[in-house]
C-alpha atoms as a PDB file:
ATOM      1  CA  UNK A   1     -61.990  13.550   1.776  1.00  0.00           C
ATOM      2  CA  UNK A   2     -58.910  11.579   0.842  1.00  0.00           C
ATOM      3  CA  UNK A   3     -56.087  13.962   2.171  1.00  0.00           C
ATOM      4  CA  UNK A   4     -53.231  12.245   4.302  1.00  0.00           C
ATOM      5  CA  UNK A   5     -53.093  12.836   7.948  1.00  0.00           C
ATOM      6  CA  UNK A   6     -50.526  15.427   8.463  1.00  0.00           C
ATOM      7  CA  UNK A   7     -49.709  16.121  11.910  1.00  0.00           C
ATOM      8  CA  UNK A   8     -47.830  18.396  12.154  1.00  0.00           C
ATOM      9  CA  UNK A   9     -45.610  20.467   9.914  1.00  0.00           C
ATOM     10  CA  UNK A  10     -43.900  23.836  10.264  1.00  0.00           C
ATOM     11  CA  UNK A  11     -45.286  25.714   7.171  1.00  0.00           C
ATOM     12  CA  UNK A  12     -41.729  27.707   7.119  1.00  0.00           C
ATOM     13  CA  UNK A  13     -40.185  24.512   5.966  1.00  0.00           C
ATOM     14  CA  UNK A  14     -42.386  23.951   3.019  1.00  0.00           C
ATOM     15  CA  UNK A  15     -41.167  25.034  -0.637  1.00  0.00           C
ATOM     16  CA  UNK A  16     -42.461  28.241  -2.205  1.00  0.00           C
ATOM     17  CA  UNK A  17     -43.707  27.154  -5.662  1.00  0.00           C
ATOM     18  CA  UNK A  18     -43.731  29.842  -8.075  1.00  0.00           C
ATOM     19  CA  UNK A  19     -46.583  28.053  -9.974  1.00  0.00           C
ATOM     20  CA  UNK A  20     -49.981  27.665  -8.499  1.00  0.00           C
ATOM     21  CA  UNK A  21     -52.499  24.923  -8.416  1.00  0.00           C
ATOM     22  CA  UNK A  22     -55.283  25.514 -11.042  1.00  0.00           C
ATOM     23  CA  UNK A  23     -55.600  28.710 -12.963  1.00  0.00           C
ATOM     24  CA  UNK A  24     -56.932  31.081 -10.248  1.00  0.00           C
ATOM     25  CA  UNK A  25     -53.841  33.300  -9.471  1.00  0.00           C
ATOM     26  CA  UNK A  26     -51.665  33.836 -12.014  1.00  0.00           C
ATOM     27  CA  UNK A  27     -48.419  35.541 -11.010  1.00  0.00           C
ATOM     28  CA  UNK A  28     -48.775  34.216  -7.251  1.00  0.00           C
ATOM     29  CA  UNK A  29     -46.584  31.699  -5.591  1.00  0.00           C
ATOM     30  CA  UNK A  30     -47.726  29.231  -3.013  1.00  0.00           C
ATOM     31  CA  UNK A  31     -46.876  26.853  -0.267  1.00  0.00           C
ATOM     32  CA  UNK A  32     -49.034  23.645  -0.565  1.00  0.00           C
ATOM     33  CA  UNK A  33     -50.086  22.693   2.960  1.00  0.00           C
ATOM     34  CA  UNK A  34     -52.403  19.844   1.830  1.00  0.00           C
ATOM     35  CA  UNK A  35     -54.029  18.956  -0.987  1.00  0.00           C
ATOM     36  CA  UNK A  36     -57.007  16.146  -1.741  1.00  0.00           C
ATOM     37  CA  UNK A  37     -55.899  14.048  -4.518  1.00  0.00           C
ATOM     38  CA  UNK A  38     -59.345  13.331  -5.764  1.00  0.00           C
ATOM     39  CA  UNK A  39     -61.162  16.539  -6.334  1.00  0.00           C
ATOM     40  CA  UNK A  40     -58.051  19.029  -6.056  1.00  0.00           C
ATOM     41  CA  UNK A  41     -59.433  20.462  -2.618  1.00  0.00           C
ATOM     42  CA  UNK A  42     -56.522  22.502  -1.201  1.00  0.00           C
ATOM     43  CA  UNK A  43     -54.852  24.613   1.629  1.00  0.00           C
ATOM     44  CA  UNK A  44     -52.450  26.833   0.853  1.00  0.00           C
ATOM     45  CA  UNK A  45     -50.100  29.897   2.006  1.00  0.00           C
ATOM     46  CA  UNK A  46     -50.309  32.123  -0.827  1.00  0.00           C
ATOM     47  CA  UNK A  47     -47.753  34.866  -1.584  1.00  0.00           C
ATOM     48  CA  UNK A  48     -48.954  37.828  -3.655  1.00  0.00           C
ATOM     49  CA  UNK A  49     -46.245  40.083  -5.023  1.00  0.00           C
ATOM     50  CA  UNK A  50     -46.555  43.745  -4.611  1.00  0.00           C
ATOM     51  CA  UNK A  51     -48.572  45.221  -7.688  1.00  0.00           C
ATOM     52  CA  UNK A  52     -50.490  42.015  -8.118  1.00  0.00           C
ATOM     53  CA  UNK A  53     -54.296  42.223  -9.158  1.00  0.00           C
ATOM     54  CA  UNK A  54     -56.720  40.095 -11.194  1.00  0.00           C
ATOM     55  CA  UNK A  55     -60.069  41.547 -12.545  1.00  0.00           C
ATOM     56  CA  UNK A  56     -63.580  40.129 -13.119  1.00  0.00           C
ATOM     57  CA  UNK A  57     -62.913  36.565 -11.985  1.00  0.00           C
ATOM     58  CA  UNK A  58     -65.212  33.725 -10.687  1.00  0.00           C
ATOM     59  CA  UNK A  59     -63.929  30.474  -9.854  1.00  0.00           C
ATOM     60  CA  UNK A  60     -65.290  26.815  -9.799  1.00  0.00           C
ATOM     61  CA  UNK A  61     -64.531  26.358  -6.079  1.00  0.00           C
ATOM     62  CA  UNK A  62     -65.419  28.083  -2.739  1.00  0.00           C
ATOM     63  CA  UNK A  63     -62.528  30.387  -1.615  1.00  0.00           C
ATOM     64  CA  UNK A  64     -61.641  31.001   2.028  1.00  0.00           C
ATOM     65  CA  UNK A  65     -58.804  32.953   3.165  1.00  0.00           C
ATOM     66  CA  UNK A  66     -57.171  34.650   6.070  1.00  0.00           C
ATOM     67  CA  UNK A  67     -54.413  37.492   5.882  1.00  0.00           C
ATOM     68  CA  UNK A  68     -51.308  36.733   7.733  1.00  0.00           C
ATOM     69  CA  UNK A  69     -49.474  39.576   6.576  1.00  0.00           C
ATOM     70  CA  UNK A  70     -49.960  42.606   4.077  1.00  0.00           C
ATOM     71  CA  UNK A  71     -53.403  43.612   2.641  1.00  0.00           C
ATOM     72  CA  UNK A  72     -55.857  42.390   0.051  1.00  0.00           C
ATOM     73  CA  UNK A  73     -58.345  44.595  -1.887  1.00  0.00           C
ATOM     74  CA  UNK A  74     -61.353  42.987  -2.526  1.00  0.00           C
ATOM     75  CA  UNK A  75     -63.982  44.842  -4.600  1.00  0.00           C
ATOM     76  CA  UNK A  76     -62.952  48.122  -2.665  1.00  0.00           C
ATOM     77  CA  UNK A  77     -62.578  46.742   0.531  1.00  0.00           C
ATOM     78  CA  UNK A  78     -59.390  46.510   2.210  1.00  0.00           C
ATOM     79  CA  UNK A  79     -58.623  43.402   4.034  1.00  0.00           C
ATOM     80  CA  UNK A  80     -55.524  43.420   6.152  1.00  0.00           C
ATOM     81  CA  UNK A  81     -53.804  41.279   8.794  1.00  0.00           C
ATOM     82  CA  UNK A  82     -56.245  38.732  10.311  1.00  0.00           C
ATOM     83  CA  UNK A  83     -59.036  39.493   8.182  1.00  0.00           C
ATOM     84  CA  UNK A  84     -61.089  36.836   6.816  1.00  0.00           C
ATOM     85  CA  UNK A  85     -63.494  36.326   3.807  1.00  0.00           C
ATOM     86  CA  UNK A  86     -65.396  33.298   2.430  1.00  0.00           C
ATOM     87  CA  UNK A  87     -66.488  33.682  -1.331  1.00  0.00           C
ATOM     88  CA  UNK A  88     -68.754  30.777  -2.649  1.00  0.00           C
ATOM     89  CA  UNK A  89     -68.304  28.869  -6.057  1.00  0.00           C
ATOM     90  CA  UNK A  90     -69.590  31.360  -8.690  1.00  0.00           C
ATOM     91  CA  UNK A  91     -68.866  34.638  -6.837  1.00  0.00           C
ATOM     92  CA  UNK A  92     -67.644  37.263  -9.208  1.00  0.00           C
ATOM     93  CA  UNK A  93     -64.728  39.057  -7.873  1.00  0.00           C
ATOM     94  CA  UNK A  94     -64.693  42.658  -9.941  1.00  0.00           C
ATOM     95  CA  UNK A  95     -61.162  43.168  -8.616  1.00  0.00           C
ATOM     96  CA  UNK A  96     -58.926  41.410  -6.260  1.00  0.00           C
ATOM     97  CA  UNK A  97     -55.405  43.127  -5.689  1.00  0.00           C
ATOM     98  CA  UNK A  98     -52.517  43.770  -3.543  1.00  0.00           C
ATOM     99  CA  UNK A  99     -50.568  47.106  -4.147  1.00  0.00           C
ATOM    100  CA  UNK A 100     -48.100  46.162  -1.395  1.00  0.00           C
ATOM    101  CA  UNK A 101     -47.919  42.565  -1.332  1.00  0.00           C
ATOM    102  CA  UNK A 102     -49.617  40.021   1.048  1.00  0.00           C
ATOM    103  CA  UNK A 103     -49.113  36.367   2.407  1.00  0.00           C
ATOM    104  CA  UNK A 104     -52.435  34.878   2.931  1.00  0.00           C
ATOM    105  CA  UNK A 105     -53.792  31.194   4.241  1.00  0.00           C
ATOM    106  CA  UNK A 106     -56.078  30.154   1.741  1.00  0.00           C
ATOM    107  CA  UNK A 107     -58.522  27.160   1.273  1.00  0.00           C
ATOM    108  CA  UNK A 108     -60.200  25.994  -1.923  1.00  0.00           C
ATOM    109  CA  UNK A 109     -63.124  23.521  -1.789  1.00  0.00           C
ATOM    110  CA  UNK A 110     -61.920  21.959  -5.090  1.00  0.00           C
ATOM    111  CA  UNK A 111     -59.189  22.723  -7.700  1.00  0.00           C
ATOM    112  CA  UNK A 112     -59.016  26.502  -8.156  1.00  0.00           C
ATOM    113  CA  UNK A 113     -59.869  27.138 -11.570  1.00  0.00           C
ATOM    114  CA  UNK A 114     -61.343  30.148 -13.428  1.00  0.00           C
ATOM    115  CA  UNK A 115     -65.131  29.700 -14.218  1.00  0.00           C
ATOM    116  CA  UNK A 116     -68.093  31.497 -15.027  1.00  0.00           C
ATOM    117  CA  UNK A 117     -70.321  33.831 -12.350  1.00  0.00           C
ATOM    118  CA  UNK A 118     -73.146  31.850 -11.017  1.00  0.00           C
ATOM    119  CA  UNK A 119     -75.833  31.782  -8.553  1.00  0.00           C
ATOM    120  CA  UNK A 120     -75.001  31.117  -4.847  1.00  0.00           C
ATOM    121  CA  UNK A 121     -76.653  31.132  -1.379  1.00  0.00           C
ATOM    122  CA  UNK A 122     -75.947  34.501  -0.085  1.00  0.00           C
ATOM    123  CA  UNK A 123     -75.765  33.100   3.543  1.00  0.00           C
ATOM    124  CA  UNK A 124     -72.500  31.627   2.444  1.00  0.00           C
ATOM    125  CA  UNK A 125     -70.885  34.821   1.274  1.00  0.00           C
ATOM    126  CA  UNK A 126     -68.607  36.718   3.994  1.00  0.00           C
ATOM    127  CA  UNK A 127     -66.804  39.517   1.910  1.00  0.00           C
ATOM    128  CA  UNK A 128     -64.815  40.595   4.875  1.00  0.00           C
ATOM    129  CA  UNK A 129     -64.488  40.283   8.707  1.00  0.00           C
ATOM    130  CA  UNK A 130     -61.857  41.980  10.749  1.00  0.00           C
ATOM    131  CA  UNK A 131     -61.144  39.073  13.269  1.00  0.00           C
ATOM    132  CA  UNK A 132     -59.415  41.492  15.693  1.00  0.00           C
ATOM    133  CA  UNK A 133     -62.462  43.676  16.272  1.00  0.00           C
ATOM    134  CA  UNK A 134     -64.873  40.721  16.891  1.00  0.00           C
ATOM    135  CA  UNK A 135     -65.972  39.954  20.159  1.00  0.00           C
ATOM    136  CA  UNK A 136     -64.722  36.555  21.466  1.00  0.00           C
ATOM    137  CA  UNK A 137     -66.914  33.833  23.040  1.00  0.00           C
ATOM    138  CA  UNK A 138     -65.976  32.155  26.201  1.00  0.00           C
ATOM    139  CA  UNK A 139     -67.781  28.930  28.015  1.00  0.00           C
ATOM    140  CA  UNK A 140     -69.222  25.850  26.359  1.00  0.00           C
ATOM    141  CA  UNK A 141     -69.984  26.812  22.647  1.00  0.00           C
ATOM    142  CA  UNK A 142     -73.400  24.902  22.139  1.00  0.00           C
ATOM    143  CA  UNK A 143     -73.023  25.450  18.136  1.00  0.00           C
ATOM    144  CA  UNK A 144     -70.132  23.083  18.199  1.00  0.00           C
ATOM    145  CA  UNK A 145     -71.438  20.591  20.436  1.00  0.00           C
ATOM    146  CA  UNK A 146     -68.343  20.682  22.773  1.00  0.00           C
ATOM    147  CA  UNK A 147     -69.987  20.499  26.252  1.00  0.00           C
ATOM    148  CA  UNK A 148     -67.238  18.690  28.437  1.00  0.00           C
ATOM    149  CA  UNK A 149     -64.489  20.822  27.452  1.00  0.00           C
ATOM    150  CA  UNK A 150     -62.493  22.676  29.553  1.00  0.00           C
ATOM    151  CA  UNK A 151     -63.328  26.259  28.436  1.00  0.00           C
ATOM    152  CA  UNK A 152     -61.866  28.307  31.171  1.00  0.00           C
ATOM    153  CA  UNK A 153     -59.188  30.191  29.844  1.00  0.00           C
ATOM    154  CA  UNK A 154     -60.217  29.881  26.206  1.00  0.00           C
ATOM    155  CA  UNK A 155     -61.656  32.414  23.678  1.00  0.00           C
ATOM    156  CA  UNK A 156     -63.583  31.215  20.340  1.00  0.00           C
ATOM    157  CA  UNK A 157     -64.539  33.367  17.531  1.00  0.00           C
ATOM    158  CA  UNK A 158     -66.806  31.862  14.893  1.00  0.00           C
ATOM    159  CA  UNK A 159     -65.932  33.081  11.451  1.00  0.00           C
ATOM    160  CA  UNK A 160     -68.360  30.668   9.007  1.00  0.00           C
ATOM    161  CA  UNK A 161     -70.996  28.446   9.784  1.00  0.00           C
ATOM    162  CA  UNK A 162     -71.862  26.883   6.382  1.00  0.00           C
ATOM    163  CA  UNK A 163     -75.865  26.474   6.352  1.00  0.00           C
ATOM    164  CA  UNK A 164     -75.723  23.878   3.552  1.00  0.00           C
ATOM    165  CA  UNK A 165     -72.950  21.644   5.219  1.00  0.00           C
ATOM    166  CA  UNK A 166     -72.278  22.442   8.937  1.00  0.00           C
ATOM    167  CA  UNK A 167     -68.644  22.944   8.244  1.00  0.00           C
ATOM    168  CA  UNK A 168     -67.329  25.554  10.332  1.00  0.00           C
ATOM    169  CA  UNK A 169     -64.070  27.959  10.674  1.00  0.00           C
ATOM    170  CA  UNK A 170     -63.356  29.582  13.884  1.00  0.00           C
ATOM    171  CA  UNK A 171     -60.274  30.992  15.927  1.00  0.00           C
ATOM    172  CA  UNK A 172     -59.314  29.379  19.045  1.00  0.00           C
ATOM    173  CA  UNK A 173     -57.208  31.099  21.791  1.00  0.00           C
ATOM    174  CA  UNK A 174     -55.752  29.720  25.055  1.00  0.00           C
ATOM    175  CA  UNK A 175     -54.221  31.702  27.992  1.00  0.00           C
ATOM    176  CA  UNK A 176     -50.669  30.686  28.948  1.00  0.00           C
ATOM    177  CA  UNK A 177     -50.227  27.455  30.969  1.00  0.00           C
ATOM    178  CA  UNK A 178     -53.596  25.949  30.146  1.00  0.00           C
ATOM    179  CA  UNK A 179     -53.807  22.219  29.564  1.00  0.00           C
ATOM    180  CA  UNK A 180     -55.959  19.369  29.661  1.00  0.00           C
ATOM    181  CA  UNK A 181     -55.710  15.643  30.576  1.00  0.00           C
ATOM    182  CA  UNK A 182     -58.457  14.281  28.323  1.00  0.00           C
ATOM    183  CA  UNK A 183     -58.479  12.923  24.633  1.00  0.00           C
ATOM    184  CA  UNK A 184     -60.823  14.228  22.200  1.00  0.00           C
ATOM    185  CA  UNK A 185     -62.370  12.505  18.877  1.00  0.00           C
ATOM    186  CA  UNK A 186     -64.516  14.218  16.267  1.00  0.00           C
ATOM    187  CA  UNK A 187     -66.393  12.772  13.399  1.00  0.00           C
ATOM    188  CA  UNK A 188     -65.296  15.289  11.000  1.00  0.00           C
ATOM    189  CA  UNK A 189     -61.955  16.311   9.646  1.00  0.00           C
ATOM    190  CA  UNK A 190     -59.956  18.944  11.600  1.00  0.00           C
ATOM    191  CA  UNK A 191     -57.753  21.380  10.179  1.00  0.00           C
ATOM    192  CA  UNK A 192     -55.452  23.906  12.002  1.00  0.00           C
ATOM    193  CA  UNK A 193     -52.996  26.810  11.362  1.00  0.00           C
ATOM    194  CA  UNK A 194     -51.025  28.195  14.221  1.00  0.00           C
ATOM    195  CA  UNK A 195     -51.015  31.866  14.261  1.00  0.00           C
ATOM    196  CA  UNK A 196     -48.983  32.559  17.187  1.00  0.00           C
ATOM    197  CA  UNK A 197     -47.860  30.985  20.359  1.00  0.00           C
ATOM    198  CA  UNK A 198     -47.253  27.277  21.187  1.00  0.00           C
ATOM    199  CA  UNK A 199     -49.073  24.195  21.667  1.00  0.00           C
ATOM    200  CA  UNK A 200     -47.893  21.085  23.090  1.00  0.00           C
ATOM    201  CA  UNK A 201     -49.207  17.565  21.598  1.00  0.00           C
ATOM    202  CA  UNK A 202     -48.093  13.942  21.806  1.00  0.00           C
ATOM    203  CA  UNK A 203     -46.585  14.992  18.265  1.00  0.00           C
ATOM    204  CA  UNK A 204     -44.511  17.712  19.392  1.00  0.00           C
ATOM    205  CA  UNK A 205     -44.667  21.334  20.005  1.00  0.00           C
ATOM    206  CA  UNK A 206     -46.594  23.505  17.370  1.00  0.00           C
ATOM    207  CA  UNK A 207     -45.110  26.898  17.241  1.00  0.00           C
ATOM    208  CA  UNK A 208     -46.177  29.927  14.823  1.00  0.00           C
ATOM    209  CA  UNK A 209     -46.854  28.527  11.230  1.00  0.00           C
ATOM    210  CA  UNK A 210     -47.499  24.964  12.083  1.00  0.00           C
ATOM    211  CA  UNK A 211     -50.161  23.262  10.212  1.00  0.00           C
ATOM    212  CA  UNK A 212     -52.071  20.126  10.564  1.00  0.00           C
ATOM    213  CA  UNK A 213     -54.857  18.257   8.662  1.00  0.00           C
ATOM    214  CA  UNK A 214     -56.401  15.575  11.059  1.00  0.00           C
ATOM    215  CA  UNK A 215     -58.801  13.107   9.407  1.00  0.00           C
ATOM    216  CA  UNK A 216     -62.217  12.264  11.006  1.00  0.00           C
ATOM    217  CA  UNK A 217     -62.325   9.923  14.061  1.00  0.00           C
ATOM    218  CA  UNK A 218     -58.537  10.374  15.083  1.00  0.00           C
ATOM    219  CA  UNK A 219     -58.137  10.332  18.863  1.00  0.00           C
ATOM    220  CA  UNK A 220     -55.818  13.282  19.931  1.00  0.00           C
ATOM    221  CA  UNK A 221     -54.635  14.948  23.045  1.00  0.00           C
ATOM    222  CA  UNK A 222     -54.145  15.703  25.806  1.00  0.00           C
ATOM    223  CA  UNK A 223     -52.583  19.020  24.970  1.00  0.00           C
ATOM    224  CA  UNK A 224     -51.775  22.693  26.444  1.00  0.00           C
ATOM    225  CA  UNK A 225     -49.527  25.728  25.965  1.00  0.00           C
ATOM    226  CA  UNK A 226     -46.988  27.307  27.804  1.00  0.00           C
ATOM    227  CA  UNK A 227     -47.106  30.909  26.518  1.00  0.00           C
ATOM    228  CA  UNK A 228     -50.527  31.017  25.186  1.00  0.00           C
ATOM    229  CA  UNK A 229     -51.682  30.354  21.743  1.00  0.00           C
ATOM    230  CA  UNK A 230     -54.026  31.658  18.784  1.00  0.00           C
ATOM    231  CA  UNK A 231     -55.018  29.154  15.953  1.00  0.00           C
ATOM    232  CA  UNK A 232     -57.035  29.282  12.711  1.00  0.00           C
ATOM    233  CA  UNK A 233     -59.366  26.116  12.729  1.00  0.00           C
ATOM    234  CA  UNK A 234     -61.707  24.360  10.382  1.00  0.00           C
ATOM    235  CA  UNK A 235     -63.967  21.557  10.487  1.00  0.00           C
ATOM    236  CA  UNK A 236     -64.981  19.863   7.256  1.00  0.00           C
ATOM    237  CA  UNK A 237     -67.366  16.988   6.587  1.00  0.00           C
ATOM    238  CA  UNK A 238     -70.321  17.903   8.465  1.00  0.00           C
ATOM    239  CA  UNK A 239     -71.575  18.890  11.887  1.00  0.00           C
ATOM    240  CA  UNK A 240     -68.777  19.053  14.521  1.00  0.00           C
ATOM    241  CA  UNK A 241     -69.113  17.552  17.805  1.00  0.00           C
ATOM    242  CA  UNK A 242     -66.426  15.934  20.418  1.00  0.00           C
ATOM    243  CA  UNK A 243     -66.233  12.876  22.327  1.00  0.00           C
ATOM    244  CA  UNK A 244     -63.970  13.109  25.425  1.00  0.00           C
ATOM    245  CA  UNK A 245     -62.129  10.462  27.500  1.00  0.00           C
ATOM    246  CA  UNK A 246     -59.575  10.593  30.055  1.00  0.00           C
ATOM    247  CA  UNK A 247     -56.038  10.279  28.815  1.00  0.00           C
ATOM    248  CA  UNK A 248     -54.198   7.366  30.026  1.00  0.00           C
ATOM    249  CA  UNK A 249     -50.941   9.078  30.413  1.00  0.00           C
ATOM    250  CA  UNK A 250     -50.420  12.708  31.995  1.00  0.00           C
ATOM    251  CA  UNK A 251     -49.788  15.677  29.880  1.00  0.00           C
ATOM    252  CA  UNK A 252     -46.271  16.032  28.658  1.00  0.00           C
ATOM    253  CA  UNK A 253     -44.994  19.647  29.072  1.00  0.00           C
ATOM    254  CA  UNK A 254     -41.809  18.818  26.925  1.00  0.00           C
ATOM    255  CA  UNK A 255     -42.736  16.483  23.869  1.00  0.00           C
ATOM    256  CA  UNK A 256     -40.188  15.387  21.420  1.00  0.00           C
ATOM    257  CA  UNK A 257     -41.160  15.971  17.575  1.00  0.00           C
ATOM    258  CA  UNK A 258     -42.831  12.790  16.508  1.00  0.00           C
ATOM    259  CA  UNK A 259     -45.161  13.682  13.602  1.00  0.00           C
ATOM    260  CA  UNK A 260     -47.386  11.726  11.477  1.00  0.00           C
ATOM    261  CA  UNK A 261     -46.370  12.959   7.881  1.00  0.00           C
ATOM    262  CA  UNK A 262     -46.723  11.679   4.220  1.00  0.00           C
ATOM    263  CA  UNK A 263     -43.738  11.357   2.345  1.00  0.00           C
ATOM    264  CA  UNK A 264     -44.256  14.552   0.561  1.00  0.00           C
ATOM    265  CA  UNK A 265     -43.908  16.424   3.783  1.00  0.00           C
ATOM    266  CA  UNK A 266     -41.585  14.395   5.731  1.00  0.00           C
ATOM    267  CA  UNK A 267     -38.843  15.204   3.299  1.00  0.00           C
ATOM    268  CA  UNK A 268     -39.023  18.781   4.104  1.00  0.00           C
ATOM    269  CA  UNK A 269     -38.332  18.247   8.053  1.00  0.00           C
ATOM    270  CA  UNK A 270     -34.914  19.631   8.820  1.00  0.00           C
ATOM    271  CA  UNK A 271     -32.391  17.013   9.966  1.00  0.00           C
ATOM    272  CA  UNK A 272     -32.177  16.822  13.884  1.00  0.00           C
ATOM    273  CA  UNK A 273     -35.146  19.386  14.169  1.00  0.00           C
ATOM    274  CA  UNK A 274     -35.913  19.596  18.029  1.00  0.00           C
ATOM    275  CA  UNK A 275     -39.526  21.281  18.532  1.00  0.00           C
ATOM    276  CA  UNK A 276     -38.377  21.933  22.079  1.00  0.00           C
ATOM    277  CA  UNK A 277     -36.156  24.874  20.680  1.00  0.00           C
ATOM    278  CA  UNK A 278     -37.702  27.521  18.803  1.00  0.00           C
ATOM    279  CA  UNK A 279     -34.573  29.248  17.088  1.00  0.00           C
ATOM    280  CA  UNK A 280     -34.209  26.803  14.179  1.00  0.00           C
ATOM    281  CA  UNK A 281     -37.252  27.210  12.018  1.00  0.00           C
ATOM    282  CA  UNK A 282     -36.286  28.372   8.811  1.00  0.00           C
ATOM    283  CA  UNK A 283     -37.879  30.581   5.991  1.00  0.00           C
ATOM    284  CA  UNK A 284     -39.055  28.725   2.608  1.00  0.00           C
ATOM    285  CA  UNK A 285     -37.000  28.563  -0.393  1.00  0.00           C
ATOM    286  CA  UNK A 286     -38.516  29.131  -3.960  1.00  0.00           C
ATOM    287  CA  UNK A 287     -38.029  25.851  -5.834  1.00  0.00           C
ATOM    288  CA  UNK A 288     -36.124  26.208  -9.374  1.00  0.00           C
END
């Protein structure tokens, strides 16, 4: 996995490209959160216009998505806000449509090109989950090998646990004024998208729409939240686990924005942005 370290950028700043990587979604637009230059794997915020649809389509990539706004209809199943799906490579979508439009965060395991229907492991198919109706887990998550984490005041909803690779997707929530004084390190890549709230990191304050892609073995923390938060999280590259160590400096409730960004992302940061203010985020502009 050769994606650059992105920690963090507000997705609202990224341009809305009227095109789309690969051939999977004609007529849709996308903001590219990150992309692997080697295999084309990518994370996108996809914007579907009202009345958009595609029939009889299989892809040469796994597709994983989480609906932010609006609704997608997948083979007759309506997936509204905060619904999730994982569609393996070769899965045939009889019909994918959005009568009223939708904004969907989408992950492809390789370049999203149209392919042929093919056999796949049925355990890897998640045709639709309403995450709002799922029960949340509290306490140590043994399947995440996260014993040692400060779990009180947190909630966790596991959406996908890949039986072949060990990769995982989950939702994590923190209550207001939760914070920790340790540093974490994971042997796999970690990816997060902020659904709501705030998270205070050494790199600044992530707010709704913030995104990071963190390569494996990058120490990070301590972190916390003032108003509470909800994040969509992914671990890529094998079994997830965490090593903890005590931070040498106390947690900072008021960090300045000091991101780690490649040039492709740094150029979209507004001049003079102060992450301690929440009133200067701007909407994306379509590039022409």
